[in-house]
C-alpha atoms as a PDB file:
ATOM      1  CA  MET A   1       0.073   0.100  -0.087  1.00  0.00           C
ATOM      2  CA  GLU A   2       1.378   3.279  -1.084  1.00  0.00           C
ATOM      3  CA  LEU A   3       1.476   5.799   1.514  1.00  0.00           C
ATOM      4  CA  LEU A   4       1.404   9.787   1.238  1.00  0.00           C
ATOM      5  CA  THR A   5       3.527  12.043   3.971  1.00  0.00           C
ATOM      6  CA  ILE A   6       1.415  14.095   5.944  1.00  0.00           C
ATOM      7  CA  GLY A   7       2.555  17.029   3.815  1.00  0.00           C
ATOM      8  CA  ALA A   8       1.482  15.498   0.421  1.00  0.00           C
ATOM      9  CA  PHE A   9      -1.723  13.943   2.084  1.00  0.00           C
ATOM     10  CA  ALA A  10      -2.552  17.476   3.273  1.00  0.00           C
ATOM     11  CA  ARG A  11      -2.132  19.276  -0.077  1.00  0.00           C
ATOM     12  CA  VAL A  12      -4.559  16.681  -1.702  1.00  0.00           C
ATOM     13  CA  SER A  13      -6.890  17.032   1.190  1.00  0.00           C
ATOM     14  CA  ARG A  14      -6.680  20.541   1.479  1.00  0.00           C
ATOM     15  CA  LEU A  15      -6.362  19.949   5.403  1.00  0.00           C
ATOM     16  CA  SER A  16      -3.533  21.467   6.678  1.00  0.00           C
ATOM     17  CA  PRO A  17      -0.622  19.406   8.715  1.00  0.00           C
ATOM     18  CA  LYS A  18      -2.092  21.152  12.128  1.00  0.00           C
ATOM     19  CA  ALA A  19      -5.416  20.114  11.380  1.00  0.00           C
ATOM     20  CA  LEU A  20      -4.377  16.580  10.939  1.00  0.00           C
ATOM     21  CA  ARG A  21      -2.633  16.256  13.847  1.00  0.00           C
ATOM     22  CA  LEU A  22      -5.485  17.251  15.674  1.00  0.00           C
ATOM     23  CA  TYR A  23      -8.097  15.210  14.116  1.00  0.00           C
ATOM     24  CA  ASP A  24      -5.372  12.126  14.819  1.00  0.00           C
ATOM     25  CA  GLU A  25      -5.232  13.531  18.336  1.00  0.00           C
ATOM     26  CA  LEU A  26      -9.246  13.462  18.687  1.00  0.00           C
ATOM     27  CA  ALA A  27      -9.487  10.182  16.874  1.00  0.00           C
ATOM     28  CA  LEU A  28     -11.253  11.786  13.831  1.00  0.00           C
ATOM     29  CA  LEU A  29      -8.991  10.813  11.172  1.00  0.00           C
ATOM     30  CA  ARG A  30      -5.836   8.445  12.408  1.00  0.00           C
ATOM     31  CA  PRO A  31      -2.739   8.090  10.138  1.00  0.00           C
ATOM     32  CA  ALA A  32      -2.519   4.674   8.235  1.00  0.00           C
ATOM     33  CA  ARG A  33       1.011   4.503   9.809  1.00  0.00           C
ATOM     34  CA  VAL A  34       2.904   6.258  12.286  1.00  0.00           C
ATOM     35  CA  ASP A  35       7.076   6.100  12.373  1.00  0.00           C
ATOM     36  CA  PRO A  36       7.940   4.476  15.441  1.00  0.00           C
ATOM     37  CA  ASP A  37      11.200   6.264  15.517  1.00  0.00           C
ATOM     38  CA  THR A  38      10.063  10.033  14.294  1.00  0.00           C
ATOM     39  CA  GLY A  39       6.598  10.013  15.251  1.00  0.00           C
ATOM     40  CA  TYR A  40       5.953  11.163  11.563  1.00  0.00           C
ATOM     41  CA  ARG A  41       2.436  10.462  10.145  1.00  0.00           C
ATOM     42  CA  TYR A  42       1.838   8.684   6.711  1.00  0.00           C
ATOM     43  CA  TYR A  43      -1.789   8.508   4.982  1.00  0.00           C
ATOM     44  CA  ALA A  44      -3.305   6.065   2.515  1.00  0.00           C
ATOM     45  CA  ALA A  45      -4.976   7.273  -0.323  1.00  0.00           C
ATOM     46  CA  GLY A  46      -8.050   5.299   0.536  1.00  0.00           C
ATOM     47  CA  GLN A  47      -8.393   7.879   3.684  1.00  0.00           C
ATOM     48  CA  LEU A  48      -9.077  10.944   1.286  1.00  0.00           C
ATOM     49  CA  GLY A  49     -13.061  10.059   1.225  1.00  0.00           C
ATOM     50  CA  ARG A  50     -13.092  10.593   5.209  1.00  0.00           C
ATOM     51  CA  ALA A  51     -10.887  13.381   5.415  1.00  0.00           C
ATOM     52  CA  ARG A  52     -12.988  15.591   2.541  1.00  0.00           C
ATOM     53  CA  LEU A  53     -15.848  14.617   5.009  1.00  0.00           C
ATOM     54  CA  VAL A  54     -14.456  15.892   7.740  1.00  0.00           C
ATOM     55  CA  ALA A  55     -13.192  19.113   6.056  1.00  0.00           C
ATOM     56  CA  TRP A  56     -17.017  19.766   4.503  1.00  0.00           C
ATOM     57  CA  LEU A  57     -18.370  19.147   8.112  1.00  0.00           C
ATOM     58  CA  ARG A  58     -16.080  21.765   9.671  1.00  0.00           C
ATOM     59  CA  ARG A  59     -17.045  24.047   6.987  1.00  0.00           C
ATOM     60  CA  LEU A  60     -20.642  23.685   7.961  1.00  0.00           C
ATOM     61  CA  GLY A  61     -19.657  24.728  11.507  1.00  0.00           C
ATOM     62  CA  MET A  62     -20.536  21.408  12.696  1.00  0.00           C
ATOM     63  CA  PRO A  63     -18.478  20.796  16.238  1.00  0.00           C
ATOM     64  CA  LEU A  64     -15.757  18.272  16.562  1.00  0.00           C
ATOM     65  CA  ALA A  65     -17.830  15.848  18.983  1.00  0.00           C
ATOM     66  CA  GLU A  66     -20.554  15.561  16.456  1.00  0.00           C
ATOM     67  CA  ILE A  67     -18.430  15.056  13.482  1.00  0.00           C
ATOM     68  CA  ARG A  68     -16.711  11.995  15.421  1.00  0.00           C
ATOM     69  CA  ALA A  69     -20.329  10.532  15.656  1.00  0.00           C
ATOM     70  CA  VAL A  70     -21.208  11.248  12.022  1.00  0.00           C
ATOM     71  CA  CYS A  71     -18.230   9.576  10.421  1.00  0.00           C
ATOM     72  CA  ALA A  72     -18.903   6.513  12.777  1.00  0.00           C
ATOM     73  CA  LEU A  73     -22.472   6.166  10.914  1.00  0.00           C
ATOM     74  CA  GLU A  74     -23.359   4.395   7.767  1.00  0.00           C
ATOM     75  CA  PRO A  75     -23.946   6.734   4.843  1.00  0.00           C
ATOM     76  CA  GLY A  76     -27.778   7.045   5.016  1.00  0.00           C
ATOM     77  CA  GLU A  77     -27.869   7.628   8.853  1.00  0.00           C
ATOM     78  CA  ALA A  78     -25.204  10.106   8.522  1.00  0.00           C
ATOM     79  CA  ALA A  79     -27.103  12.084   5.797  1.00  0.00           C
ATOM     80  CA  ARG A  80     -29.923  12.243   8.072  1.00  0.00           C
ATOM     81  CA  GLU A  81     -27.794  13.320  11.106  1.00  0.00           C
ATOM     82  CA  ILE A  82     -26.301  16.390   8.741  1.00  0.00           C
ATOM     83  CA  GLY A  83     -29.852  17.308   7.875  1.00  0.00           C
ATOM     84  CA  ALA A  84     -31.113  17.263  11.295  1.00  0.00           C
ATOM     85  CA  TYR A  85     -27.955  19.515  12.261  1.00  0.00           C
ATOM     86  CA  TRP A  86     -28.432  21.887   9.649  1.00  0.00           C
ATOM     87  CA  ALA A  87     -32.336  21.898  10.689  1.00  0.00           C
ATOM     88  CA  ARG A  88     -31.229  23.069  14.150  1.00  0.00           C
ATOM     89  CA  VAL A  89     -28.608  25.739  12.694  1.00  0.00           C
ATOM     90  CA  GLU A  90     -31.188  27.329  10.647  1.00  0.00           C
ATOM     91  CA  ALA A  91     -33.500  27.485  13.501  1.00  0.00           C
ATOM     92  CA  GLU A  92     -31.212  28.776  15.626  1.00  0.00           C
ATOM     93  CA  THR A  93     -29.909  31.454  13.221  1.00  0.00           C
ATOM     94  CA  ALA A  94     -33.412  32.576  12.915  1.00  0.00           C
ATOM     95  CA  MET A  95     -33.658  33.328  16.665  1.00  0.00           C
ATOM     96  CA  ARG A  96     -30.541  35.192  16.878  1.00  0.00           C
ATOM     97  CA  ARG A  97     -31.826  37.439  13.981  1.00  0.00           C
ATOM     98  CA  ASP A  98     -34.664  38.275  15.816  1.00  0.00           C
ATOM     99  CA  LEU A  99     -32.957  38.530  19.098  1.00  0.00           C
ATOM    100  CA  ALA A 100     -30.598  41.322  17.387  1.00  0.00           C
ATOM    101  CA  ALA A 101     -33.205  43.191  15.841  1.00  0.00           C
ATOM    102  CA  PHE A 102     -35.075  43.174  19.227  1.00  0.00           C
ATOM    103  CA  LEU A 103     -31.941  44.404  20.840  1.00  0.00           C
ATOM    104  CA  VAL A 104     -31.386  46.836  18.212  1.00  0.00           C
ATOM    105  CA  ASP A 105     -35.215  48.318  18.368  1.00  0.00           C
ATOM    106  CA  GLN A 106     -34.764  48.472  22.481  1.00  0.00           C
ATOM    107  CA  LEU A 107     -31.208  50.218  22.576  1.00  0.00           C
ATOM    108  CA  THR A 108     -32.156  52.709  19.895  1.00  0.00           C
ATOM    109  CA  GLY A 109     -35.872  53.442  21.091  1.00  0.00           C
ATOM    110  CA  THR A 110     -36.870  52.651  17.444  1.00  0.00           C
ATOM    111  CA  PRO A 111     -40.264  51.108  17.196  1.00  0.00           C
ATOM    112  CA  ASP A 112     -40.507  47.785  15.422  1.00  0.00           C
ATOM    113  CA  ALA A 113     -42.084  48.450  12.183  1.00  0.00           C
ATOM    114  CA  SER A 114     -41.225  45.074  10.818  1.00  0.00           C
ATOM    115  CA  GLY A 115     -44.233  42.765  11.979  1.00  0.00           C
ATOM    116  CA  ARG A 116     -42.199  40.587  14.005  1.00  0.00           C
ATOM    117  CA  GLU A 117     -43.640  39.430  17.434  1.00  0.00           C
ATOM    118  CA  PRO A 118     -42.091  40.733  20.532  1.00  0.00           C
ATOM    119  CA  MET A 119     -39.027  38.846  21.798  1.00  0.00           C
ATOM    120  CA  MET A 120     -40.357  36.239  24.620  1.00  0.00           C
ATOM    121  CA  MET A 121     -38.389  34.932  27.611  1.00  0.00           C
ATOM    122  CA  LEU A 122     -38.815  31.332  27.634  1.00  0.00           C
ATOM    123  CA  GLU A 123     -38.774  28.768  30.984  1.00  0.00           C
ATOM    124  CA  LEU A 124     -38.377  25.326  31.114  1.00  0.00           C
ATOM    125  CA  LYS A 125     -41.352  23.108  32.186  1.00  0.00           C
ATOM    126  CA  HIS A 126     -40.678  19.484  33.298  1.00  0.00           C
ATOM    127  CA  SER A 127     -42.052  16.447  34.824  1.00  0.00           C
ATOM    128  CA  ALA A 128     -40.088  13.064  35.513  1.00  0.00           C
ATOM    129  CA  ARG A 129     -40.615   9.447  36.435  1.00  0.00           C
ATOM    130  CA  THR A 130     -38.617   6.454  37.028  1.00  0.00           C
ATOM    131  CA  ASP A 131     -39.713   2.817  37.294  1.00  0.00           C
ATOM    132  CA  ARG A 132     -38.290  -0.675  38.159  1.00  0.00           C
ATOM    133  CA  GLY A 133     -39.531  -2.441  34.994  1.00  0.00           C
ATOM    134  CA  LEU A 134     -40.737  -5.861  34.806  1.00  0.00           C
ATOM    135  CA  VAL A 135     -37.371  -7.805  34.876  1.00  0.00           C
ATOM    136  CA  ARG A 136     -34.804  -6.129  37.024  1.00  0.00           C
ATOM    137  CA  PRO A 137     -34.800  -6.948  40.895  1.00  0.00           C
ATOM    138  CA  ALA A 138     -34.012  -3.250  41.381  1.00  0.00           C
ATOM    139  CA  ASN A 139     -33.814   0.232  39.978  1.00  0.00           C
ATOM    140  CA  GLN A 140     -30.346   1.457  39.655  1.00  0.00           C
ATOM    141  CA  ASP A 141     -31.265   4.768  37.612  1.00  0.00           C
ATOM    142  CA  THR A 142     -31.225   8.152  39.275  1.00  0.00           C
ATOM    143  CA  LEU A 143     -32.853  11.113  38.172  1.00  0.00           C
ATOM    144  CA  TYR A 144     -32.705  14.755  38.961  1.00  0.00           C
ATOM    145  CA  ALA A 145     -35.309  17.547  37.859  1.00  0.00           C
ATOM    146  CA  GLY A 146     -34.458  20.654  39.420  1.00  0.00           C
ATOM    147  CA  ARG A 147     -35.112  24.595  38.662  1.00  0.00           C
ATOM    148  CA  ARG A 148     -32.482  24.412  35.984  1.00  0.00           C
ATOM    149  CA  LEU A 149     -30.820  20.991  36.223  1.00  0.00           C
ATOM    150  CA  LEU A 150     -32.108  17.885  34.411  1.00  0.00           C
ATOM    151  CA  ALA A 151     -30.248  14.632  34.805  1.00  0.00           C
ATOM    152  CA  VAL A 152     -30.358  10.730  34.131  1.00  0.00           C
ATOM    153  CA  ALA A 153     -27.886   8.342  35.194  1.00  0.00           C
ATOM    154  CA  ASP A 154     -28.585   4.526  34.708  1.00  0.00           C
ATOM    155  CA  GLY A 155     -26.004   2.691  36.961  1.00  0.00           C
ATOM    156  CA  PHE A 156     -24.735  -0.856  36.313  1.00  0.00           C
ATOM    157  CA  GLY A 157     -22.644  -3.621  38.582  1.00  0.00           C
ATOM    158  CA  PRO A 158     -23.372  -4.434  42.307  1.00  0.00           C
ATOM    159  CA  ALA A 159     -23.024  -0.863  43.385  1.00  0.00           C
ATOM    160  CA  GLY A 160     -24.886   0.595  40.349  1.00  0.00           C
ATOM    161  CA  LEU A 161     -27.499   2.625  42.029  1.00  0.00           C
ATOM    162  CA  ALA A 162     -24.868   4.202  44.334  1.00  0.00           C
ATOM    163  CA  ALA A 163     -22.836   5.132  41.023  1.00  0.00           C
ATOM    164  CA  SER A 164     -25.637   6.913  39.250  1.00  0.00           C
ATOM    165  CA  GLY A 165     -26.633   8.665  42.602  1.00  0.00           C
ATOM    166  CA  ALA A 166     -23.102   9.754  42.937  1.00  0.00           C
ATOM    167  CA  ALA A 167     -22.921  11.034  39.481  1.00  0.00           C
ATOM    168  CA  VAL A 168     -26.220  13.044  40.071  1.00  0.00           C
ATOM    169  CA  ALA A 169     -25.110  14.198  43.241  1.00  0.00           C
ATOM    170  CA  ALA A 170     -22.061  15.838  41.819  1.00  0.00           C
ATOM    171  CA  LEU A 171     -23.876  17.919  39.436  1.00  0.00           C
ATOM    172  CA  ARG A 172     -26.534  19.236  41.734  1.00  0.00           C
ATOM    173  CA  TYR A 173     -24.598  22.263  42.919  1.00  0.00           C
ATOM    174  CA  LEU A 174     -25.386  23.532  39.451  1.00  0.00           C
ATOM    175  CA  ASP A 175     -28.863  23.704  40.033  1.00  0.00           C
ATOM    176  CA  GLU A 176     -28.577  25.186  43.504  1.00  0.00           C
ATOM    177  CA  ALA A 177     -25.670  27.977  42.732  1.00  0.00           C
ATOM    178  CA  GLU A 178     -26.969  31.647  42.500  1.00  0.00           C
ATOM    179  CA  THR A 179     -25.536  32.562  39.023  1.00  0.00           C
ATOM    180  CA  LEU A 180     -23.836  30.271  36.397  1.00  0.00           C
ATOM    181  CA  PRO A 181     -20.917  31.048  34.389  1.00  0.00           C
ATOM    182  CA  VAL A 182     -21.125  33.033  30.893  1.00  0.00           C
ATOM    183  CA  ASP A 183     -22.184  30.869  28.076  1.00  0.00           C
ATOM    184  CA  GLY A 184     -18.644  29.837  26.269  1.00  0.00           C
ATOM    185  CA  GLU A 185     -17.624  27.912  23.681  1.00  0.00           C
ATOM    186  CA  LEU A 186     -16.330  24.260  23.644  1.00  0.00           C
ATOM    187  CA  GLY A 187     -12.755  24.071  25.501  1.00  0.00           C
ATOM    188  CA  GLU A 188     -13.442  27.676  26.829  1.00  0.00           C
ATOM    189  CA  LEU A 189     -14.743  29.110  30.294  1.00  0.00           C
ATOM    190  CA  GLY A 190     -18.276  29.343  30.434  1.00  0.00           C
ATOM    191  CA  VAL A 191     -21.243  27.129  31.254  1.00  0.00           C
ATOM    192  CA  LEU A 192     -20.077  24.181  28.814  1.00  0.00           C
ATOM    193  CA  GLY A 193     -16.723  24.404  31.084  1.00  0.00           C
ATOM    194  CA  ALA A 194     -18.629  24.200  34.248  1.00  0.00           C
ATOM    195  CA  LEU A 195     -20.702  21.368  32.988  1.00  0.00           C
ATOM    196  CA  GLU A 196     -17.727  19.645  31.925  1.00  0.00           C
ATOM    197  CA  ASP A 197     -15.861  19.890  35.313  1.00  0.00           C
ATOM    198  CA  ALA A 198     -18.935  18.901  37.064  1.00  0.00           C
ATOM    199  CA  VAL A 199     -18.945  15.613  35.100  1.00  0.00           C
ATOM    200  CA  ARG A 200     -15.598  15.021  35.668  1.00  0.00           C
ATOM    201  CA  ALA A 201     -16.015  15.245  39.466  1.00  0.00           C
ATOM    202  CA  ALA A 202     -18.985  12.857  39.057  1.00  0.00           C
ATOM    203  CA  GLY A 203     -16.437  10.317  37.013  1.00  0.00           C
ATOM    204  CA  ALA A 204     -14.024  10.936  40.032  1.00  0.00           C
ATOM    205  CA  ALA A 205     -17.013  10.246  42.763  1.00  0.00           C
ATOM    206  CA  VAL A 206     -18.197   6.994  40.809  1.00  0.00           C
ATOM    207  CA  ALA A 207     -14.411   5.894  40.295  1.00  0.00           C
ATOM    208  CA  ASP A 208     -13.811   6.158  44.110  1.00  0.00           C
ATOM    209  CA  LEU A 209     -16.935   4.508  45.035  1.00  0.00           C
ATOM    210  CA  ALA A 210     -16.021   1.334  42.670  1.00  0.00           C
ATOM    211  CA  GLY A 211     -12.385   1.340  43.769  1.00  0.00           C
ATOM    212  CA  GLY A 212     -11.179   0.999  40.039  1.00  0.00           C
ATOM    213  CA  THR A 213     -12.471  -2.227  39.707  1.00  0.00           C
ATOM    214  CA  GLY A 214     -14.332  -1.633  36.620  1.00  0.00           C
ATOM    215  CA  GLU A 215     -17.476  -3.697  37.715  1.00  0.00           C
ATOM    216  CA  ASP A 216     -19.406  -0.436  38.994  1.00  0.00           C
ATOM    217  CA  GLY A 217     -20.030   2.707  36.747  1.00  0.00           C
ATOM    218  CA  THR A 218     -22.926   4.728  35.171  1.00  0.00           C
ATOM    219  CA  THR A 219     -24.161   6.794  32.337  1.00  0.00           C
ATOM    220  CA  LEU A 220     -24.929  10.365  32.727  1.00  0.00           C
ATOM    221  CA  THR A 221     -26.870  12.643  30.183  1.00  0.00           C
ATOM    222  CA  ALA A 222     -27.797  16.115  31.680  1.00  0.00           C
ATOM    223  CA  LEU A 223     -29.332  19.310  30.348  1.00  0.00           C
ATOM    224  CA  LEU A 224     -28.502  22.406  32.134  1.00  0.00           C
ATOM    225  CA  TRP A 225     -30.898  25.620  31.614  1.00  0.00           C
ATOM    226  CA  THR A 226     -29.049  29.064  31.853  1.00  0.00           C
ATOM    227  CA  GLY A 227     -31.995  31.250  31.089  1.00  0.00           C
ATOM    228  CA  SER A 228     -31.184  31.601  27.338  1.00  0.00           C
ATOM    229  CA  ARG A 229     -29.652  28.429  26.311  1.00  0.00           C
ATOM    230  CA  LEU A 230     -29.440  24.359  27.065  1.00  0.00           C
ATOM    231  CA  ALA A 231     -26.180  22.870  27.959  1.00  0.00           C
ATOM    232  CA  LEU A 232     -25.801  19.351  27.371  1.00  0.00           C
ATOM    233  CA  ALA A 233     -23.366  16.915  28.721  1.00  0.00           C
ATOM    234  CA  HIS A 234     -23.891  13.423  27.745  1.00  0.00           C
ATOM    235  CA  ILE A 235     -21.522   9.972  28.536  1.00  0.00           C
ATOM    236  CA  GLY A 236     -22.925   6.312  28.175  1.00  0.00           C
ATOM    237  CA  ASP A 237     -25.980   5.040  26.211  1.00  0.00           C
ATOM    238  CA  SER A 238     -28.754   6.996  27.904  1.00  0.00           C
ATOM    239  CA  ARG A 239     -29.964   9.425  25.674  1.00  0.00           C
ATOM    240  CA  ALA A 240     -31.192  12.801  24.925  1.00  0.00           C
ATOM    241  CA  TYR A 241     -33.991  13.935  22.128  1.00  0.00           C
ATOM    242  CA  LEU A 242     -35.558  17.127  20.917  1.00  0.00           C
ATOM    243  CA  LEU A 243     -38.894  17.288  19.460  1.00  0.00           C
ATOM    244  CA  ARG A 244     -39.252  20.502  17.298  1.00  0.00           C
ATOM    245  CA  GLY A 245     -42.125  20.830  14.570  1.00  0.00           C
ATOM    246  CA  GLY A 246     -43.264  17.478  14.815  1.00  0.00           C
ATOM    247  CA  GLU A 247     -39.629  15.882  14.011  1.00  0.00           C
ATOM    248  CA  LEU A 248     -37.710  13.918  16.727  1.00  0.00           C
ATOM    249  CA  TYR A 249     -34.053  14.399  16.450  1.00  0.00           C
ATOM    250  CA  ARG A 250     -31.687  12.283  18.957  1.00  0.00           C
ATOM    251  CA  ILE A 251     -29.253  14.680  20.155  1.00  0.00           C
ATOM    252  CA  THR A 252     -26.731  12.329  21.660  1.00  0.00           C
ATOM    253  CA  GLN A 253     -24.783   9.573  20.229  1.00  0.00           C
ATOM    254  CA  ASP A 254     -24.568   6.011  22.119  1.00  0.00           C
ATOM    255  CA  HIS A 255     -21.416   5.202  23.512  1.00  0.00           C
ATOM    256  CA  ARG A 256     -21.211   1.601  22.664  1.00  0.00           C
ATOM    257  CA  VAL A 257     -18.764  -0.605  21.271  1.00  0.00           C
ATOM    258  CA  SER A 258     -21.107  -1.378  18.328  1.00  0.00           C
ATOM    259  CA  PRO A 259     -24.779  -0.365  17.739  1.00  0.00           C
ATOM    260  CA  GLN A 260     -25.901  -3.936  18.265  1.00  0.00           C
ATOM    261  CA  GLU A 261     -24.028  -4.525  21.782  1.00  0.00           C
ATOM    262  CA  LEU A 262     -24.966  -3.186  25.122  1.00  0.00           C
ATOM    263  CA  LEU A 263     -21.069  -2.785  26.192  1.00  0.00           C
ATOM    264  CA  LEU A 264     -20.007   0.630  26.893  1.00  0.00           C
ATOM    265  CA  SER A 265     -17.228   2.473  25.230  1.00  0.00           C
ATOM    266  CA  LYS A 266     -17.491   5.257  27.544  1.00  0.00           C
ATOM    267  CA  ALA A 267     -18.921   5.355  30.924  1.00  0.00           C
ATOM    268  CA  LEU A 268     -18.479   7.278  34.422  1.00  0.00           C
ATOM    269  CA  GLY A 269     -16.298   4.462  36.726  1.00  0.00           C
ATOM    270  CA  GLY A 270     -13.649   1.944  35.810  1.00  0.00           C
ATOM    271  CA  GLY A 271     -10.784   4.163  36.949  1.00  0.00           C
ATOM    272  CA  VAL A 272     -10.607   6.069  33.768  1.00  0.00           C
ATOM    273  CA  ASP A 273     -11.184   9.700  33.114  1.00  0.00           C
ATOM    274  CA  PRO A 274     -13.450  10.044  30.101  1.00  0.00           C
ATOM    275  CA  VAL A 275     -14.451  13.208  28.317  1.00  0.00           C
ATOM    276  CA  PRO A 276     -17.946  13.827  28.215  1.00  0.00           C
ATOM    277  CA  ASP A 277     -19.689  15.195  24.931  1.00  0.00           C
ATOM    278  CA  LEU A 278     -21.028  18.792  25.324  1.00  0.00           C
ATOM    279  CA  ARG A 279     -22.858  20.984  23.297  1.00  0.00           C
ATOM    280  CA  LEU A 280     -25.157  24.237  23.583  1.00  0.00           C
ATOM    281  CA  GLN A 281     -28.623  23.932  22.213  1.00  0.00           C
ATOM    282  CA  GLU A 282     -30.567  27.029  21.311  1.00  0.00           C
ATOM    283  CA  PRO A 283     -34.296  26.448  22.290  1.00  0.00           C
ATOM    284  CA  LEU A 284     -37.208  27.647  20.633  1.00  0.00           C
ATOM    285  CA  GLU A 285     -40.619  28.059  22.094  1.00  0.00           C
ATOM    286  CA  GLY A 286     -42.637  24.800  21.868  1.00  0.00           C
ATOM    287  CA  ASP A 287     -39.536  22.685  21.666  1.00  0.00           C
ATOM    288  CA  ARG A 288     -39.798  19.233  23.969  1.00  0.00           C
ATOM    289  CA  TYR A 289     -36.433  17.801  25.281  1.00  0.00           C
ATOM    290  CA  LEU A 290     -36.305  13.900  26.553  1.00  0.00           C
ATOM    291  CA  LEU A 291     -33.873  12.621  28.655  1.00  0.00           C
ATOM    292  CA  CYS A 292     -34.178   8.781  28.975  1.00  0.00           C
ATOM    293  CA  SER A 293     -32.277   5.599  30.437  1.00  0.00           C
ATOM    294  CA  ASP A 294     -31.860   2.866  27.885  1.00  0.00           C
ATOM    295  CA  GLY A 295     -34.574   1.110  29.281  1.00  0.00           C
ATOM    296  CA  LEU A 296     -36.868   3.049  27.314  1.00  0.00           C
ATOM    297  CA  THR A 297     -35.236   3.234  24.074  1.00  0.00           C
ATOM    298  CA  GLU A 298     -34.659  -0.465  23.944  1.00  0.00           C
ATOM    299  CA  ALA A 299     -38.155  -1.333  24.711  1.00  0.00           C
ATOM    300  CA  VAL A 300     -39.743   1.553  22.735  1.00  0.00           C
ATOM    301  CA  PRO A 301     -38.990   2.577  19.337  1.00  0.00           C
ATOM    302  CA  ASP A 302     -38.463   6.059  17.884  1.00  0.00           C
ATOM    303  CA  ALA A 303     -41.266   6.218  15.809  1.00  0.00           C
ATOM    304  CA  LEU A 304     -43.499   5.583  18.749  1.00  0.00           C
ATOM    305  CA  ILE A 305     -41.632   7.944  21.467  1.00  0.00           C
ATOM    306  CA  ARG A 306     -42.307  10.771  18.546  1.00  0.00           C
ATOM    307  CA  GLU A 307     -46.013   9.844  18.295  1.00  0.00           C
ATOM    308  CA  LEU A 308     -46.386   9.987  22.247  1.00  0.00           C
ATOM    309  CA  LEU A 309     -44.347  13.195  22.455  1.00  0.00           C
ATOM    310  CA  VAL A 310     -46.413  14.831  19.648  1.00  0.00           C
ATOM    311  CA  ALA A 311     -49.474  13.986  21.427  1.00  0.00           C
ATOM    312  CA  GLY A 312     -48.499  15.918  24.361  1.00  0.00           C
ATOM    313  CA  ALA A 313     -47.368  12.659  26.523  1.00  0.00           C
ATOM    314  CA  GLY A 314     -45.313  13.130  29.379  1.00  0.00           C
ATOM    315  CA  PRO A 315     -42.778  10.606  31.411  1.00  0.00           C
ATOM    316  CA  ARG A 316     -46.078   8.820  32.722  1.00  0.00           C
ATOM    317  CA  GLU A 317     -47.105   7.487  29.274  1.00  0.00           C
ATOM    318  CA  LEU A 318     -43.656   6.828  28.197  1.00  0.00           C
ATOM    319  CA  VAL A 319     -42.761   4.648  31.188  1.00  0.00           C
ATOM    320  CA  ALA A 320     -46.494   2.890  30.531  1.00  0.00           C
ATOM    321  CA  ALA A 321     -45.227   2.102  26.797  1.00  0.00           C
ATOM    322  CA  ALA A 322     -41.959   0.620  28.086  1.00  0.00           C
ATOM    323  CA  LEU A 323     -43.949  -1.520  30.438  1.00  0.00           C
ATOM    324  CA  ALA A 324     -46.543  -2.638  27.850  1.00  0.00           C
ATOM    325  CA  ALA A 325     -43.647  -3.905  25.705  1.00  0.00           C
ATOM    326  CA  GLY A 326     -42.065  -5.915  28.651  1.00  0.00           C
ATOM    327  CA  ALA A 327     -39.408  -3.492  30.309  1.00  0.00           C
ATOM    328  CA  PRO A 328     -36.894  -5.665  30.688  1.00  0.00           C
ATOM    329  CA  ASP A 329     -34.763  -3.248  32.072  1.00  0.00           C
ATOM    330  CA  ASN A 330     -35.377  -0.076  34.545  1.00  0.00           C
ATOM    331  CA  VAL A 331     -37.056   3.045  32.615  1.00  0.00           C
ATOM    332  CA  THR A 332     -36.365   6.569  33.748  1.00  0.00           C
ATOM    333  CA  CYS A 333     -37.675   9.685  31.602  1.00  0.00           C
ATOM    334  CA  VAL A 334     -37.680  13.435  32.188  1.00  0.00           C
ATOM    335  CA  VAL A 335     -39.493  15.644  29.677  1.00  0.00           C
ATOM    336  CA  ALA A 336     -38.887  19.460  29.338  1.00  0.00           C
ATOM    337  CA  ASP A 337     -41.074  21.873  27.467  1.00  0.00           C
ATOM    338  CA  MET A 338     -39.690  25.300  26.687  1.00  0.00           C
ATOM    339  CA  ALA A 339     -42.894  27.643  27.447  1.00  0.00           C
ATOM    340  CA  VAL A 340     -43.160  31.271  27.456  1.00  0.00           C
ATOM    341  CA  ALA A 341     -42.636  32.550  30.762  1.00  0.00           C
ATOM    342  CA  ALA A 342     -45.283  33.951  32.695  1.00  0.00           C
ATOM    343  CA  GLY A 343     -45.423  37.942  33.126  1.00  0.00           C
END
């Protein structure tokens, strides 16, 4: 197999060597060979397709964590994820445009003659439910639904309930704090940074509990409401969904060894320090968010979840659907609605 140097591959792929080194570190685009003595990277011509896909997705503005998830999918599913991402971008851009126009009008004292509706402040209204299911001897799921923090954790191992409880407890200060950091971008100080720090603290708490054996651990999926945005942190195979305009989008990626296996590639516990997936969501009035453990998604197909959420169903109805399907695992759901704030 003929290999290209990193410089030659950079020229034909139109990616800089710096970008290629970054994508290697992030496991987005691994070189075909690394010289054991010099550390120099070499690439195969067959990697050009993936390199160009990564470059195009970056030009779309897609975050690196989402690019990694898209690149792991089959072409048809990847195309659907890209379409869903762009639909979110367009909705968020429209919201920012209206907000900018509103602020200009307010600061200049200019009456709004555009016909736009006045800007509305949104609030998060939520409900939650957990159930042991019909097979498991105990419920190892933990949920939290506070004034601005929503979280679902699915524990595993002999101390699974303690693990999921410790993970959620490590995040609760974000709900109780008087103020949150200013929104920031991934990797910078801000609400995502605060959320990532909390998840890392949760990982440390679970690791201490498990004693480094790897037998006990937990998933963790959390949404944090800043008053204008939702910050998402995710690790494991619990899920977060967004229902917008009648369409259901999964906004997390399962961290499984393969889509068919339940074995997790990332979770809290086991003596490692995994990095959670992080993103900011721009909410719109009428959005519905669902956080759930895999006890729901393994029993109830996405099509039925969408049908129930469109009909206005909450956690009670979702759990009932899982129970009707046999509920072989614990089932936990948190449903949050973005509504216009009262007053």
